[in-house]
Amino acid sequence: MKQEAFVYTELQISVAFDQVPWRDINADVKALPGFRNKTWLSGVGNNSTGGIYSFETVADAEAFVTGYFPEEARKFGVAQTTRIFDAVATEEASREMNSVHYPGGALDREPGAFVYTEVWLSALPFDNAPWRQFNPVLKKQPGLMSKTWLSGLHTGTPGGIYAFDTVENATSFALNYFPSEAKALNAAFYTRVFDAKATAAASREMNSPFYA
């Protein structure tokens, strides 16, 4: 199935996920042009709400972040974060990390947590990013089940969405390993840890590849 873009979203909100009207939102998002799948995200410690989406084309992703999603944030009365990533550029690097967003990637059990990362540097084209250097090290991280590499559209900011077996291993990765990776690149960075158990039902309804 064709996918050119990933989108990351996060709302500046703190609400237990079972209080989020995800069924209504799911119905609206499914009807959007080019939508392929979504994995819901619920922040550990702060209960922020967001998601990682796959879209058929970059134009579909751009329409989503400039049209639908700002209106969703407005309904909640909160500020928002959105990012668009080039899903074509990162395919080779992601396949090597058992990414479930590409054919061949699969998990043997449901994830317990997700981690989102982004490093404040530009690697354009994406192949200039040191993913071949980092992938072997990442594969050894405790509890890591898969990673989808992310490359910012127009910006080239590298990052990823990771699946971990537990929140504890995900948190340890975000606090202990990932800062050393960013330090090696001499760059600032952004990390978020999310509770995959809380959003499992909502994500399955959106054809999330993490629960296939």
N, C-alpha and C. Protein backbone atom coordinates (compact mmCIF):
# COMPACT_ATOMS: atom_id res chain seq x y z
N MET A 1 0.84 -1.19 0.00
CA MET A 1 0.00 0.00 0.00
C MET A 1 0.88 1.25 0.00
N LYS A 2 0.59 2.16 -0.90
CA LYS A 2 1.41 3.35 -1.04
C LYS A 2 1.31 4.24 0.20
N GLN A 3 2.47 4.71 0.67
CA GLN A 3 2.51 5.72 1.73
C GLN A 3 3.73 6.61 1.47
N GLU A 4 3.49 7.88 1.36
CA GLU A 4 4.56 8.83 1.12
C GLU A 4 4.94 9.61 2.36
N ALA A 5 4.03 9.68 3.34
CA ALA A 5 4.27 10.56 4.48
C ALA A 5 3.76 9.98 5.79
N PHE A 6 4.51 10.30 6.85
CA PHE A 6 4.05 10.09 8.22
C PHE A 6 3.76 11.45 8.83
N VAL A 7 2.82 11.49 9.76
CA VAL A 7 2.52 12.71 10.51
C VAL A 7 2.56 12.38 12.00
N TYR A 8 3.21 13.25 12.76
CA TYR A 8 3.20 13.17 14.22
C TYR A 8 2.38 14.33 14.76
N THR A 9 1.50 14.05 15.72
CA THR A 9 0.72 15.10 16.36
C THR A 9 0.77 14.94 17.87
N GLU A 10 0.63 16.06 18.55
CA GLU A 10 0.49 16.03 20.00
C GLU A 10 -0.27 17.28 20.43
N LEU A 11 -1.27 17.10 21.27
CA LEU A 11 -2.04 18.20 21.82
C LEU A 11 -1.53 18.56 23.20
N GLN A 12 -1.48 19.87 23.49
CA GLN A 12 -1.05 20.35 24.80
C GLN A 12 -2.23 20.24 25.76
N ILE A 13 -2.43 19.01 26.18
CA ILE A 13 -3.61 18.68 26.99
C ILE A 13 -3.20 17.63 28.00
N SER A 14 -3.91 17.56 29.10
CA SER A 14 -3.67 16.51 30.09
C SER A 14 -5.01 15.90 30.45
N VAL A 15 -5.27 14.74 29.89
CA VAL A 15 -6.54 14.06 30.14
C VAL A 15 -6.33 12.56 30.00
N ALA A 16 -6.85 11.80 30.94
CA ALA A 16 -6.75 10.34 30.85
C ALA A 16 -7.32 9.88 29.52
N PHE A 17 -6.66 8.92 28.88
CA PHE A 17 -7.05 8.57 27.53
C PHE A 17 -8.48 8.06 27.45
N ASP A 18 -8.98 7.43 28.50
CA ASP A 18 -10.36 6.92 28.44
C ASP A 18 -11.39 8.05 28.45
N GLN A 19 -10.92 9.29 28.66
CA GLN A 19 -11.81 10.44 28.59
C GLN A 19 -11.74 11.15 27.24
N VAL A 20 -10.85 10.69 26.37
CA VAL A 20 -10.71 11.27 25.03
C VAL A 20 -11.82 10.72 24.13
N PRO A 21 -12.52 11.55 23.36
CA PRO A 21 -13.59 11.06 22.47
C PRO A 21 -13.02 10.41 21.21
N TRP A 22 -12.24 9.36 21.40
CA TRP A 22 -11.48 8.80 20.28
C TRP A 22 -12.37 8.11 19.25
N ARG A 23 -13.50 7.60 19.66
CA ARG A 23 -14.38 6.95 18.69
C ARG A 23 -14.91 7.95 17.66
N ASP A 24 -15.30 9.12 18.12
CA ASP A 24 -15.77 10.16 17.21
C ASP A 24 -14.64 10.66 16.32
N ILE A 25 -13.47 10.85 16.92
CA ILE A 25 -12.32 11.33 16.15
C ILE A 25 -11.91 10.29 15.11
N ASN A 26 -11.91 9.02 15.49
CA ASN A 26 -11.55 7.97 14.55
C ASN A 26 -12.45 7.99 13.32
N ALA A 27 -13.73 8.14 13.53
CA ALA A 27 -14.67 8.16 12.40
C ALA A 27 -14.36 9.32 11.46
N ASP A 28 -14.02 10.48 12.02
CA ASP A 28 -13.71 11.65 11.19
C ASP A 28 -12.41 11.45 10.41
N VAL A 29 -11.38 10.94 11.09
CA VAL A 29 -10.07 10.79 10.45
C VAL A 29 -10.10 9.73 9.35
N LYS A 30 -10.84 8.66 9.58
CA LYS A 30 -10.94 7.61 8.56
C LYS A 30 -11.47 8.14 7.23
N ALA A 31 -12.27 9.19 7.27
CA ALA A 31 -12.89 9.73 6.06
C ALA A 31 -11.97 10.71 5.33
N LEU A 32 -10.79 11.01 5.89
CA LEU A 32 -9.92 12.00 5.27
C LEU A 32 -9.20 11.43 4.04
N PRO A 33 -9.00 12.23 3.02
CA PRO A 33 -8.31 11.76 1.81
C PRO A 33 -6.91 11.25 2.13
N GLY A 34 -6.60 10.08 1.61
CA GLY A 34 -5.25 9.53 1.72
C GLY A 34 -4.89 8.92 3.05
N PHE A 35 -5.80 8.91 4.01
CA PHE A 35 -5.47 8.33 5.31
C PHE A 35 -5.25 6.83 5.19
N ARG A 36 -4.20 6.33 5.83
CA ARG A 36 -3.89 4.90 5.80
C ARG A 36 -4.03 4.26 7.18
N ASN A 37 -3.37 4.81 8.18
CA ASN A 37 -3.48 4.25 9.53
C ASN A 37 -3.04 5.27 10.56
N LYS A 38 -3.41 5.01 11.79
CA LYS A 38 -3.01 5.87 12.91
C LYS A 38 -2.75 5.02 14.14
N THR A 39 -1.70 5.38 14.86
CA THR A 39 -1.44 4.83 16.18
C THR A 39 -1.62 5.96 17.18
N TRP A 40 -2.58 5.81 18.08
CA TRP A 40 -2.82 6.81 19.10
C TRP A 40 -1.68 6.82 20.11
N LEU A 41 -1.40 8.00 20.66
CA LEU A 41 -0.34 8.17 21.64
C LEU A 41 -0.89 8.88 22.88
N SER A 42 -0.55 8.36 24.04
CA SER A 42 -0.97 8.95 25.32
C SER A 42 0.26 9.09 26.20
N GLY A 43 0.61 10.33 26.53
CA GLY A 43 1.87 10.61 27.21
C GLY A 43 1.97 10.04 28.60
N VAL A 44 3.09 9.39 28.87
CA VAL A 44 3.38 8.89 30.21
C VAL A 44 3.73 10.09 31.10
N GLY A 45 3.03 10.23 32.21
CA GLY A 45 3.34 11.29 33.15
C GLY A 45 2.57 12.58 32.95
N ASN A 46 2.16 12.87 31.68
CA ASN A 46 1.46 14.13 31.46
C ASN A 46 0.11 13.97 30.75
N ASN A 47 -0.20 12.75 30.28
CA ASN A 47 -1.48 12.48 29.61
C ASN A 47 -1.73 13.38 28.40
N SER A 48 -0.67 13.77 27.70
CA SER A 48 -0.87 14.43 26.41
C SER A 48 -1.47 13.42 25.44
N THR A 49 -2.14 13.92 24.41
CA THR A 49 -2.80 13.05 23.44
C THR A 49 -2.30 13.39 22.04
N GLY A 50 -2.02 12.35 21.26
CA GLY A 50 -1.56 12.59 19.89
C GLY A 50 -1.59 11.32 19.08
N GLY A 51 -0.75 11.28 18.06
CA GLY A 51 -0.73 10.10 17.21
C GLY A 51 0.37 10.13 16.18
N ILE A 52 0.64 8.96 15.62
CA ILE A 52 1.51 8.84 14.45
C ILE A 52 0.65 8.27 13.33
N TYR A 53 0.61 8.97 12.19
CA TYR A 53 -0.28 8.64 11.09
C TYR A 53 0.53 8.30 9.84
N SER A 54 -0.08 7.53 8.97
CA SER A 54 0.47 7.27 7.64
C SER A 54 -0.52 7.78 6.61
N PHE A 55 0.00 8.52 5.60
CA PHE A 55 -0.83 9.05 4.53
C PHE A 55 -0.30 8.61 3.17
N GLU A 56 -1.22 8.48 2.23
CA GLU A 56 -0.86 8.01 0.90
C GLU A 56 0.09 8.97 0.20
N THR A 57 -0.15 10.27 0.29
CA THR A 57 0.70 11.25 -0.37
C THR A 57 1.10 12.36 0.59
N VAL A 58 2.16 13.07 0.23
CA VAL A 58 2.57 14.24 1.01
C VAL A 58 1.48 15.29 1.00
N ALA A 59 0.83 15.47 -0.14
CA ALA A 59 -0.26 16.45 -0.23
C ALA A 59 -1.39 16.12 0.74
N ASP A 60 -1.70 14.84 0.90
CA ASP A 60 -2.73 14.44 1.87
C ASP A 60 -2.30 14.80 3.29
N ALA A 61 -1.04 14.55 3.60
CA ALA A 61 -0.52 14.87 4.94
C ALA A 61 -0.55 16.38 5.18
N GLU A 62 -0.17 17.14 4.18
CA GLU A 62 -0.17 18.60 4.31
C GLU A 62 -1.59 19.13 4.53
N ALA A 63 -2.55 18.56 3.83
CA ALA A 63 -3.95 18.97 4.01
C ALA A 63 -4.42 18.67 5.43
N PHE A 64 -3.97 17.55 5.96
CA PHE A 64 -4.35 17.16 7.32
C PHE A 64 -3.81 18.14 8.36
N VAL A 65 -2.51 18.49 8.26
CA VAL A 65 -1.90 19.33 9.30
C VAL A 65 -2.29 20.80 9.17
N THR A 66 -2.77 21.20 8.00
CA THR A 66 -3.17 22.60 7.83
C THR A 66 -4.68 22.79 7.92
N GLY A 67 -5.44 21.71 7.82
CA GLY A 67 -6.89 21.80 7.81
C GLY A 67 -7.54 21.10 8.98
N TYR A 68 -7.61 19.78 8.92
CA TYR A 68 -8.34 19.03 9.94
C TYR A 68 -7.75 19.19 11.33
N PHE A 69 -6.44 18.98 11.48
CA PHE A 69 -5.90 18.89 12.84
C PHE A 69 -5.96 20.20 13.61
N PRO A 70 -5.67 21.35 13.01
CA PRO A 70 -5.82 22.59 13.77
C PRO A 70 -7.26 22.80 14.27
N GLU A 71 -8.23 22.34 13.50
CA GLU A 71 -9.61 22.47 13.94
C GLU A 71 -9.89 21.53 15.12
N GLU A 72 -9.29 20.34 15.10
CA GLU A 72 -9.44 19.42 16.22
C GLU A 72 -8.86 20.04 17.49
N ALA A 73 -7.67 20.64 17.37
CA ALA A 73 -7.05 21.29 18.52
C ALA A 73 -7.91 22.45 19.03
N ARG A 74 -8.51 23.18 18.10
CA ARG A 74 -9.35 24.32 18.47
C ARG A 74 -10.57 23.84 19.27
N LYS A 75 -11.12 22.70 18.90
CA LYS A 75 -12.27 22.16 19.63
C LYS A 75 -11.90 21.81 21.07
N PHE A 76 -10.66 21.34 21.26
CA PHE A 76 -10.19 21.03 22.61
C PHE A 76 -9.76 22.29 23.36
N GLY A 77 -9.54 23.38 22.63
CA GLY A 77 -9.10 24.62 23.24
C GLY A 77 -7.66 24.60 23.69
N VAL A 78 -6.81 23.88 22.93
CA VAL A 78 -5.41 23.74 23.33
C VAL A 78 -4.48 23.97 22.14
N ALA A 79 -3.22 24.27 22.47
CA ALA A 79 -2.18 24.37 21.45
C ALA A 79 -1.81 22.99 20.94
N GLN A 80 -1.06 22.96 19.86
CA GLN A 80 -0.77 21.69 19.20
C GLN A 80 0.65 21.65 18.63
N THR A 81 1.09 20.43 18.34
CA THR A 81 2.34 20.19 17.61
C THR A 81 2.03 19.25 16.46
N THR A 82 2.55 19.58 15.27
CA THR A 82 2.46 18.64 14.14
C THR A 82 3.80 18.62 13.41
N ARG A 83 4.11 17.47 12.83
CA ARG A 83 5.30 17.28 12.02
C ARG A 83 4.93 16.38 10.84
N ILE A 84 5.51 16.64 9.66
CA ILE A 84 5.36 15.75 8.51
C ILE A 84 6.72 15.16 8.19
N PHE A 85 6.73 13.85 7.90
CA PHE A 85 7.97 13.14 7.61
C PHE A 85 7.88 12.40 6.28
N ASP A 86 9.00 12.30 5.62
CA ASP A 86 9.12 11.63 4.31
C ASP A 86 9.22 10.12 4.54
N ALA A 87 8.16 9.40 4.22
CA ALA A 87 8.12 7.96 4.48
C ALA A 87 8.87 7.15 3.42
N VAL A 88 9.17 7.76 2.30
CA VAL A 88 9.89 7.05 1.24
C VAL A 88 11.39 7.05 1.54
N ALA A 89 11.90 8.19 1.99
CA ALA A 89 13.34 8.33 2.21
C ALA A 89 13.88 7.39 3.28
N THR A 90 13.05 7.03 4.24
CA THR A 90 13.53 6.26 5.39
C THR A 90 13.20 4.77 5.32
N GLU A 91 12.71 4.31 4.17
CA GLU A 91 12.26 2.92 4.10
C GLU A 91 13.38 1.93 4.36
N GLU A 92 14.52 2.08 3.72
CA GLU A 92 15.61 1.11 3.90
C GLU A 92 16.07 1.05 5.35
N ALA A 93 16.28 2.21 5.94
CA ALA A 93 16.74 2.26 7.33
C ALA A 93 15.71 1.66 8.27
N SER A 94 14.43 1.90 8.00
CA SER A 94 13.36 1.40 8.87
C SER A 94 13.16 -0.10 8.74
N ARG A 95 13.24 -0.60 7.52
CA ARG A 95 13.09 -2.05 7.33
C ARG A 95 14.14 -2.82 8.13
N GLU A 96 15.34 -2.25 8.22
CA GLU A 96 16.41 -2.90 8.96
C GLU A 96 16.11 -2.96 10.46
N MET A 97 15.17 -2.09 10.89
CA MET A 97 14.81 -2.04 12.31
C MET A 97 13.45 -2.67 12.59
N ASN A 98 13.00 -3.57 11.71
CA ASN A 98 11.74 -4.27 11.89
C ASN A 98 10.56 -3.30 11.98
N SER A 99 10.61 -2.23 11.19
CA SER A 99 9.51 -1.26 11.22
C SER A 99 8.22 -1.92 10.73
N VAL A 100 7.17 -1.75 11.51
CA VAL A 100 5.87 -2.33 11.13
C VAL A 100 5.16 -1.48 10.09
N HIS A 101 5.74 -0.34 9.74
CA HIS A 101 5.12 0.53 8.74
C HIS A 101 5.46 0.12 7.30
N TYR A 102 6.29 -0.91 7.17
CA TYR A 102 6.69 -1.39 5.84
C TYR A 102 6.49 -2.90 5.78
N PRO A 103 6.26 -3.44 4.58
CA PRO A 103 6.07 -4.89 4.45
C PRO A 103 7.24 -5.67 5.05
N GLY A 104 6.92 -6.71 5.77
CA GLY A 104 7.94 -7.55 6.40
C GLY A 104 8.14 -7.29 7.87
N GLY A 105 7.80 -6.10 8.33
CA GLY A 105 7.94 -5.79 9.75
C GLY A 105 6.77 -6.36 10.53
N ALA A 106 7.06 -6.97 11.68
CA ALA A 106 5.99 -7.56 12.49
C ALA A 106 6.47 -7.70 13.93
N LEU A 107 5.53 -7.57 14.86
CA LEU A 107 5.82 -7.77 16.28
C LEU A 107 5.24 -9.11 16.73
N ASP A 108 5.94 -9.78 17.65
CA ASP A 108 5.44 -11.06 18.14
C ASP A 108 4.51 -10.90 19.33
N ARG A 109 4.35 -9.66 19.81
CA ARG A 109 3.41 -9.35 20.90
C ARG A 109 3.11 -7.85 20.85
N GLU A 110 2.08 -7.45 21.56
CA GLU A 110 1.72 -6.05 21.56
C GLU A 110 2.75 -5.22 22.33
N PRO A 111 3.02 -4.00 21.87
CA PRO A 111 3.97 -3.15 22.59
C PRO A 111 3.40 -2.63 23.89
N GLY A 112 4.28 -2.31 24.82
CA GLY A 112 3.87 -1.71 26.07
C GLY A 112 4.04 -0.20 26.08
N ALA A 113 4.90 0.30 25.18
CA ALA A 113 5.19 1.73 25.16
C ALA A 113 5.73 2.14 23.79
N PHE A 114 5.58 3.41 23.50
CA PHE A 114 6.18 4.02 22.32
C PHE A 114 7.09 5.15 22.76
N VAL A 115 8.12 5.39 21.98
CA VAL A 115 8.98 6.56 22.18
C VAL A 115 9.07 7.32 20.87
N TYR A 116 8.92 8.63 20.96
CA TYR A 116 9.11 9.50 19.80
C TYR A 116 10.37 10.32 20.03
N THR A 117 11.23 10.40 19.00
CA THR A 117 12.45 11.21 19.10
C THR A 117 12.59 12.09 17.86
N GLU A 118 13.25 13.21 18.07
CA GLU A 118 13.61 14.09 16.96
C GLU A 118 14.88 14.84 17.35
N VAL A 119 15.83 14.90 16.44
CA VAL A 119 17.12 15.55 16.69
C VAL A 119 17.20 16.82 15.87
N TRP A 120 17.66 17.90 16.50
CA TRP A 120 17.65 19.20 15.84
C TRP A 120 18.89 19.43 14.99
N LEU A 121 18.91 18.69 13.90
CA LEU A 121 19.89 18.92 12.85
C LEU A 121 19.23 18.54 11.54
N SER A 122 19.86 18.90 10.43
CA SER A 122 19.28 18.61 9.13
C SER A 122 20.15 17.62 8.37
N ALA A 123 19.54 16.52 7.96
CA ALA A 123 20.24 15.51 7.16
C ALA A 123 19.45 15.33 5.86
N LEU A 124 19.81 16.10 4.86
CA LEU A 124 19.18 16.02 3.55
C LEU A 124 20.26 15.80 2.50
N PRO A 125 20.13 14.73 1.69
CA PRO A 125 19.10 13.71 1.78
C PRO A 125 19.26 12.83 3.02
N PHE A 126 18.22 12.05 3.34
CA PHE A 126 18.24 11.27 4.56
C PHE A 126 19.42 10.32 4.62
N ASP A 127 19.89 9.85 3.50
CA ASP A 127 21.00 8.90 3.52
C ASP A 127 22.26 9.52 4.13
N ASN A 128 22.30 10.84 4.27
CA ASN A 128 23.42 11.48 4.95
C ASN A 128 23.36 11.28 6.46
N ALA A 129 22.20 10.92 6.98
CA ALA A 129 22.08 10.64 8.41
C ALA A 129 22.84 9.35 8.74
N PRO A 130 23.43 9.27 9.94
CA PRO A 130 24.25 8.09 10.27
C PRO A 130 23.44 6.89 10.73
N TRP A 131 22.40 6.55 9.99
CA TRP A 131 21.53 5.45 10.44
C TRP A 131 22.23 4.11 10.39
N ARG A 132 23.15 3.93 9.45
CA ARG A 132 23.87 2.65 9.40
C ARG A 132 24.76 2.47 10.63
N GLN A 133 25.24 3.55 11.17
CA GLN A 133 26.05 3.52 12.39
C GLN A 133 25.19 3.24 13.61
N PHE A 134 24.00 3.83 13.65
CA PHE A 134 23.17 3.73 14.85
C PHE A 134 22.33 2.46 14.91
N ASN A 135 21.89 1.93 13.78
CA ASN A 135 20.99 0.78 13.81
C ASN A 135 21.53 -0.41 14.60
N PRO A 136 22.79 -0.82 14.40
CA PRO A 136 23.29 -1.97 15.18
C PRO A 136 23.27 -1.72 16.69
N VAL A 137 23.51 -0.49 17.10
CA VAL A 137 23.49 -0.15 18.53
C VAL A 137 22.05 -0.15 19.05
N LEU A 138 21.15 0.41 18.24
CA LEU A 138 19.75 0.47 18.64
C LEU A 138 19.16 -0.93 18.84
N LYS A 139 19.54 -1.86 17.99
CA LYS A 139 19.01 -3.22 18.07
C LYS A 139 19.34 -3.89 19.41
N LYS A 140 20.36 -3.40 20.09
CA LYS A 140 20.78 -3.99 21.36
C LYS A 140 20.10 -3.34 22.57
N GLN A 141 19.27 -2.33 22.33
CA GLN A 141 18.63 -1.64 23.46
C GLN A 141 17.59 -2.55 24.12
N PRO A 142 17.60 -2.66 25.43
CA PRO A 142 16.66 -3.56 26.13
C PRO A 142 15.21 -3.24 25.82
N GLY A 143 14.50 -4.27 25.39
CA GLY A 143 13.07 -4.13 25.16
C GLY A 143 12.64 -3.51 23.85
N LEU A 144 13.59 -3.10 23.01
CA LEU A 144 13.21 -2.48 21.74
C LEU A 144 12.65 -3.53 20.78
N MET A 145 11.47 -3.27 20.26
CA MET A 145 10.79 -4.20 19.37
C MET A 145 10.86 -3.75 17.91
N SER A 146 10.82 -2.46 17.67
CA SER A 146 10.91 -1.95 16.30
C SER A 146 11.15 -0.46 16.33
N LYS A 147 11.64 0.05 15.21
CA LYS A 147 11.79 1.49 15.02
C LYS A 147 11.42 1.85 13.60
N THR A 148 10.66 2.92 13.45
CA THR A 148 10.45 3.54 12.15
C THR A 148 11.22 4.85 12.14
N TRP A 149 12.20 4.94 11.27
CA TRP A 149 12.96 6.18 11.15
C TRP A 149 12.07 7.27 10.56
N LEU A 150 12.30 8.50 11.01
CA LEU A 150 11.56 9.66 10.52
C LEU A 150 12.53 10.70 9.99
N SER A 151 12.15 11.33 8.89
CA SER A 151 12.96 12.39 8.29
C SER A 151 12.05 13.55 7.93
N GLY A 152 12.26 14.69 8.60
CA GLY A 152 11.36 15.82 8.43
C GLY A 152 11.24 16.31 7.00
N LEU A 153 10.02 16.44 6.53
CA LEU A 153 9.79 16.97 5.19
C LEU A 153 10.31 18.40 5.15
N HIS A 154 11.16 18.69 4.17
CA HIS A 154 11.78 20.00 3.94
C HIS A 154 12.88 20.33 4.94
N THR A 155 12.82 19.77 6.16
CA THR A 155 13.80 20.12 7.19
C THR A 155 14.92 19.10 7.32
N GLY A 156 14.63 17.83 7.04
CA GLY A 156 15.63 16.78 7.19
C GLY A 156 15.94 16.42 8.63
N THR A 157 15.11 16.85 9.59
CA THR A 157 15.36 16.47 10.98
C THR A 157 15.16 14.97 11.15
N PRO A 158 16.18 14.25 11.63
CA PRO A 158 16.03 12.80 11.81
C PRO A 158 15.43 12.47 13.17
N GLY A 159 14.72 11.37 13.23
CA GLY A 159 14.12 10.91 14.48
C GLY A 159 13.51 9.55 14.29
N GLY A 160 12.54 9.23 15.12
CA GLY A 160 11.93 7.92 14.99
C GLY A 160 10.75 7.73 15.91
N ILE A 161 9.97 6.70 15.59
CA ILE A 161 8.92 6.21 16.48
C ILE A 161 9.30 4.77 16.81
N TYR A 162 9.47 4.48 18.09
CA TYR A 162 9.97 3.19 18.57
C TYR A 162 8.87 2.47 19.34
N ALA A 163 8.85 1.16 19.23
CA ALA A 163 7.98 0.33 20.06
C ALA A 163 8.84 -0.43 21.06
N PHE A 164 8.43 -0.38 22.34
CA PHE A 164 9.13 -1.09 23.40
C PHE A 164 8.17 -2.05 24.10
N ASP A 165 8.75 -3.03 24.76
CA ASP A 165 7.93 -4.01 25.47
C ASP A 165 7.29 -3.45 26.73
N THR A 166 7.98 -2.52 27.40
CA THR A 166 7.46 -1.96 28.65
C THR A 166 7.72 -0.46 28.71
N VAL A 167 6.94 0.22 29.53
CA VAL A 167 7.17 1.64 29.78
C VAL A 167 8.53 1.84 30.45
N GLU A 168 8.92 0.93 31.31
CA GLU A 168 10.19 1.05 32.01
C GLU A 168 11.37 1.05 31.04
N ASN A 169 11.36 0.13 30.08
CA ASN A 169 12.45 0.09 29.09
C ASN A 169 12.41 1.30 28.17
N ALA A 170 11.22 1.75 27.83
CA ALA A 170 11.08 2.93 26.98
C ALA A 170 11.62 4.17 27.70
N THR A 171 11.29 4.30 28.97
CA THR A 171 11.75 5.45 29.75
C THR A 171 13.26 5.42 29.92
N SER A 172 13.81 4.25 30.18
CA SER A 172 15.26 4.12 30.30
C SER A 172 15.96 4.52 29.00
N PHE A 173 15.40 4.11 27.88
CA PHE A 173 15.97 4.49 26.58
C PHE A 173 15.97 6.00 26.42
N ALA A 174 14.84 6.64 26.73
CA ALA A 174 14.70 8.08 26.54
C ALA A 174 15.61 8.87 27.49
N LEU A 175 15.83 8.33 28.69
CA LEU A 175 16.61 9.06 29.68
C LEU A 175 18.10 8.75 29.62
N ASN A 176 18.45 7.53 29.25
CA ASN A 176 19.83 7.09 29.36
C ASN A 176 20.55 6.93 28.03
N TYR A 177 19.95 6.18 27.10
CA TYR A 177 20.66 5.98 25.83
C TYR A 177 20.53 7.16 24.88
N PHE A 178 19.30 7.62 24.63
CA PHE A 178 19.12 8.59 23.54
C PHE A 178 19.91 9.88 23.74
N PRO A 179 20.03 10.42 24.94
CA PRO A 179 20.86 11.62 25.09
C PRO A 179 22.30 11.42 24.62
N SER A 180 22.82 10.20 24.78
CA SER A 180 24.19 9.96 24.32
C SER A 180 24.27 9.97 22.79
N GLU A 181 23.20 9.51 22.15
CA GLU A 181 23.16 9.54 20.69
C GLU A 181 23.13 10.99 20.19
N ALA A 182 22.30 11.80 20.82
CA ALA A 182 22.22 13.21 20.43
C ALA A 182 23.54 13.93 20.72
N LYS A 183 24.19 13.57 21.82
CA LYS A 183 25.48 14.19 22.15
C LYS A 183 26.52 13.87 21.09
N ALA A 184 26.49 12.64 20.59
CA ALA A 184 27.43 12.26 19.54
C ALA A 184 27.23 13.09 18.28
N LEU A 185 25.99 13.56 18.08
CA LEU A 185 25.68 14.41 16.93
C LEU A 185 25.80 15.89 17.26
N ASN A 186 26.11 16.20 18.52
CA ASN A 186 26.26 17.58 18.98
C ASN A 186 25.00 18.39 18.69
N ALA A 187 23.86 17.81 19.04
CA ALA A 187 22.59 18.43 18.69
C ALA A 187 21.59 18.35 19.84
N ALA A 188 20.72 19.36 19.92
CA ALA A 188 19.59 19.30 20.84
C ALA A 188 18.61 18.24 20.36
N PHE A 189 17.71 17.83 21.25
CA PHE A 189 16.81 16.74 20.87
C PHE A 189 15.50 16.85 21.61
N TYR A 190 14.55 16.04 21.17
CA TYR A 190 13.18 16.04 21.69
C TYR A 190 12.78 14.58 21.88
N THR A 191 12.30 14.23 23.07
CA THR A 191 11.84 12.86 23.30
C THR A 191 10.49 12.87 24.01
N ARG A 192 9.69 11.85 23.71
CA ARG A 192 8.42 11.65 24.39
C ARG A 192 8.22 10.16 24.60
N VAL A 193 7.63 9.78 25.75
CA VAL A 193 7.32 8.38 26.04
C VAL A 193 5.80 8.26 26.15
N PHE A 194 5.25 7.23 25.53
CA PHE A 194 3.80 7.05 25.49
C PHE A 194 3.41 5.64 25.95
N ASP A 195 2.25 5.57 26.58
CA ASP A 195 1.70 4.31 27.10
C ASP A 195 0.91 3.60 26.00
N ALA A 196 1.48 2.53 25.46
CA ALA A 196 0.84 1.82 24.35
C ALA A 196 -0.37 1.01 24.80
N LYS A 197 -0.41 0.59 26.04
CA LYS A 197 -1.54 -0.20 26.52
C LYS A 197 -2.82 0.63 26.56
N ALA A 198 -2.69 1.89 26.98
CA ALA A 198 -3.86 2.74 27.14
C ALA A 198 -4.58 3.00 25.82
N THR A 199 -3.83 3.00 24.72
CA THR A 199 -4.40 3.38 23.43
C THR A 199 -4.61 2.21 22.47
N ALA A 200 -4.43 0.98 22.95
CA ALA A 200 -4.47 -0.19 22.08
C ALA A 200 -5.79 -0.32 21.32
N ALA A 201 -6.91 -0.23 22.02
CA ALA A 201 -8.21 -0.41 21.37
C ALA A 201 -8.47 0.67 20.33
N ALA A 202 -8.16 1.91 20.68
CA ALA A 202 -8.36 3.01 19.74
C ALA A 202 -7.47 2.86 18.52
N SER A 203 -6.25 2.39 18.71
CA SER A 203 -5.31 2.23 17.60
C SER A 203 -5.70 1.07 16.68
N ARG A 204 -6.17 -0.02 17.27
CA ARG A 204 -6.62 -1.15 16.45
C ARG A 204 -7.72 -0.71 15.49
N GLU A 205 -8.61 0.12 15.98
CA GLU A 205 -9.72 0.59 15.15
C GLU A 205 -9.23 1.45 13.98
N MET A 206 -8.01 1.97 14.10
CA MET A 206 -7.43 2.80 13.05
C MET A 206 -6.40 2.06 12.22
N ASN A 207 -6.44 0.72 12.28
CA ASN A 207 -5.56 -0.12 11.47
C ASN A 207 -4.07 0.11 11.80
N SER A 208 -3.79 0.40 13.07
CA SER A 208 -2.41 0.60 13.47
C SER A 208 -1.59 -0.65 13.17
N PRO A 209 -0.43 -0.50 12.50
CA PRO A 209 0.39 -1.67 12.19
C PRO A 209 1.04 -2.29 13.40
N PHE A 210 1.05 -1.59 14.53
CA PHE A 210 1.62 -2.16 15.75
C PHE A 210 0.74 -3.24 16.35
N TYR A 211 -0.52 -3.30 15.93
CA TYR A 211 -1.46 -4.26 16.50
C TYR A 211 -2.01 -5.22 15.45
N ALA A 212 -1.34 -5.28 14.30
CA ALA A 212 -1.82 -6.13 13.19
C ALA A 212 -1.66 -7.60 13.56
